[in-house]
Amino acid sequence: MKIIVDMDRCQDHGQCVFSAPEVFRLNAEGHLEYESVPDDSLRDAVEEAADVCPLQAITLEG
């Protein structure tokens, strides 16, 4: 699984951080950082994170 976040659309709301904190995090400046190729055991949490993104900026491949 590969995660792609459209950083032009992302407004750092952080909803993904609540759904999958092992993958998504806000840095000290409040901007989103994430692991683009997380372990497949986190798929359910990552799919939920993509679903709850208010701007639908998260895409999953594979």
C-alpha atoms as a PDB file:
ATOM      1  CA  MET A   1       0.000   0.000   0.000  1.00  0.00           C
ATOM      2  CA  LYS A   2       1.243   3.472  -0.871  1.00  0.00           C
ATOM      3  CA  ILE A   3      -0.213   6.696   0.479  1.00  0.00           C
ATOM      4  CA  ILE A   4      -0.333   9.845  -1.590  1.00  0.00           C
ATOM      5  CA  VAL A   5      -1.414  13.104   0.030  1.00  0.00           C
ATOM      6  CA  ASP A   6      -2.185  16.011  -2.261  1.00  0.00           C
ATOM      7  CA  MET A   7      -0.395  18.673  -0.244  1.00  0.00           C
ATOM      8  CA  ASP A   8      -2.000  21.382  -2.387  1.00  0.00           C
ATOM      9  CA  ARG A   9      -5.410  20.258  -1.095  1.00  0.00           C
ATOM     10  CA  CYS A  10      -4.373  19.333   2.453  1.00  0.00           C
ATOM     11  CA  GLN A  11      -5.047  22.108   4.965  1.00  0.00           C
ATOM     12  CA  ASP A  12      -3.539  20.298   7.967  1.00  0.00           C
ATOM     13  CA  HIS A  13      -6.853  19.705   9.753  1.00  0.00           C
ATOM     14  CA  GLY A  14      -5.332  16.582  11.324  1.00  0.00           C
ATOM     15  CA  GLN A  15      -8.335  14.277  11.129  1.00  0.00           C
ATOM     16  CA  CYS A  16      -6.073  11.609   9.621  1.00  0.00           C
ATOM     17  CA  VAL A  17      -3.811  11.855  12.677  1.00  0.00           C
ATOM     18  CA  PHE A  18      -6.686  10.772  14.923  1.00  0.00           C
ATOM     19  CA  SER A  19      -7.513   7.799  12.664  1.00  0.00           C
ATOM     20  CA  ALA A  20      -3.965   6.568  12.024  1.00  0.00           C
ATOM     21  CA  PRO A  21      -1.448   8.199  14.391  1.00  0.00           C
ATOM     22  CA  GLU A  22       1.143   5.546  13.513  1.00  0.00           C
ATOM     23  CA  VAL A  23       1.193   6.900   9.951  1.00  0.00           C
ATOM     24  CA  PHE A  24       0.125  10.555  10.059  1.00  0.00           C
ATOM     25  CA  ARG A  25       1.398  13.309  12.364  1.00  0.00           C
ATOM     26  CA  LEU A  26       1.528  17.085  12.570  1.00  0.00           C
ATOM     27  CA  ASN A  27       5.029  18.520  12.914  1.00  0.00           C
ATOM     28  CA  ALA A  28       6.079  21.362  15.236  1.00  0.00           C
ATOM     29  CA  GLU A  29       4.805  23.897  12.693  1.00  0.00           C
ATOM     30  CA  GLY A  30       1.432  22.163  12.490  1.00  0.00           C
ATOM     31  CA  HIS A  31       1.996  20.724   9.007  1.00  0.00           C
ATOM     32  CA  LEU A  32       1.171  17.166   8.034  1.00  0.00           C
ATOM     33  CA  GLU A  33       3.898  14.556   7.774  1.00  0.00           C
ATOM     34  CA  TYR A  34       3.254  10.919   6.946  1.00  0.00           C
ATOM     35  CA  GLU A  35       4.824   7.615   6.050  1.00  0.00           C
ATOM     36  CA  SER A  36       4.138   7.001   2.376  1.00  0.00           C
ATOM     37  CA  VAL A  37       4.537   3.205   2.568  1.00  0.00           C
ATOM     38  CA  PRO A  38       3.195   2.011   5.936  1.00  0.00           C
ATOM     39  CA  ASP A  39       2.908  -1.591   7.038  1.00  0.00           C
ATOM     40  CA  ASP A  40      -0.108  -3.364   5.537  1.00  0.00           C
ATOM     41  CA  SER A  41      -1.352  -4.165   9.051  1.00  0.00           C
ATOM     42  CA  LEU A  42      -2.358  -0.487   9.270  1.00  0.00           C
ATOM     43  CA  ARG A  43      -4.557  -0.606   6.161  1.00  0.00           C
ATOM     44  CA  ASP A  44      -7.888  -0.280   8.012  1.00  0.00           C
ATOM     45  CA  ALA A  45      -6.711   2.771   9.947  1.00  0.00           C
ATOM     46  CA  VAL A  46      -5.249   4.373   6.809  1.00  0.00           C
ATOM     47  CA  GLU A  47      -8.463   3.760   4.853  1.00  0.00           C
ATOM     48  CA  GLU A  48     -10.421   5.395   7.675  1.00  0.00           C
ATOM     49  CA  ALA A  49      -8.005   8.335   7.641  1.00  0.00           C
ATOM     50  CA  ALA A  50      -8.591   8.778   3.908  1.00  0.00           C
ATOM     51  CA  ASP A  51     -12.359   8.617   4.451  1.00  0.00           C
ATOM     52  CA  VAL A  52     -12.407  11.235   7.210  1.00  0.00           C
ATOM     53  CA  CYS A  53     -10.173  13.742   5.419  1.00  0.00           C
ATOM     54  CA  PRO A  54     -12.447  16.775   4.977  1.00  0.00           C
ATOM     55  CA  LEU A  55     -10.752  17.692   1.694  1.00  0.00           C
ATOM     56  CA  GLN A  56     -10.325  14.130   0.415  1.00  0.00           C
ATOM     57  CA  ALA A  57      -6.610  14.803  -0.074  1.00  0.00           C
ATOM     58  CA  ILE A  58      -5.494  11.238   0.761  1.00  0.00           C
ATOM     59  CA  THR A  59      -5.263   8.547  -1.909  1.00  0.00           C
ATOM     60  CA  LEU A  60      -4.229   4.913  -1.459  1.00  0.00           C
ATOM     61  CA  GLU A  61      -2.577   2.756  -4.092  1.00  0.00           C
ATOM     62  CA  GLY A  62      -2.172  -0.989  -3.875  1.00  0.00           C
END
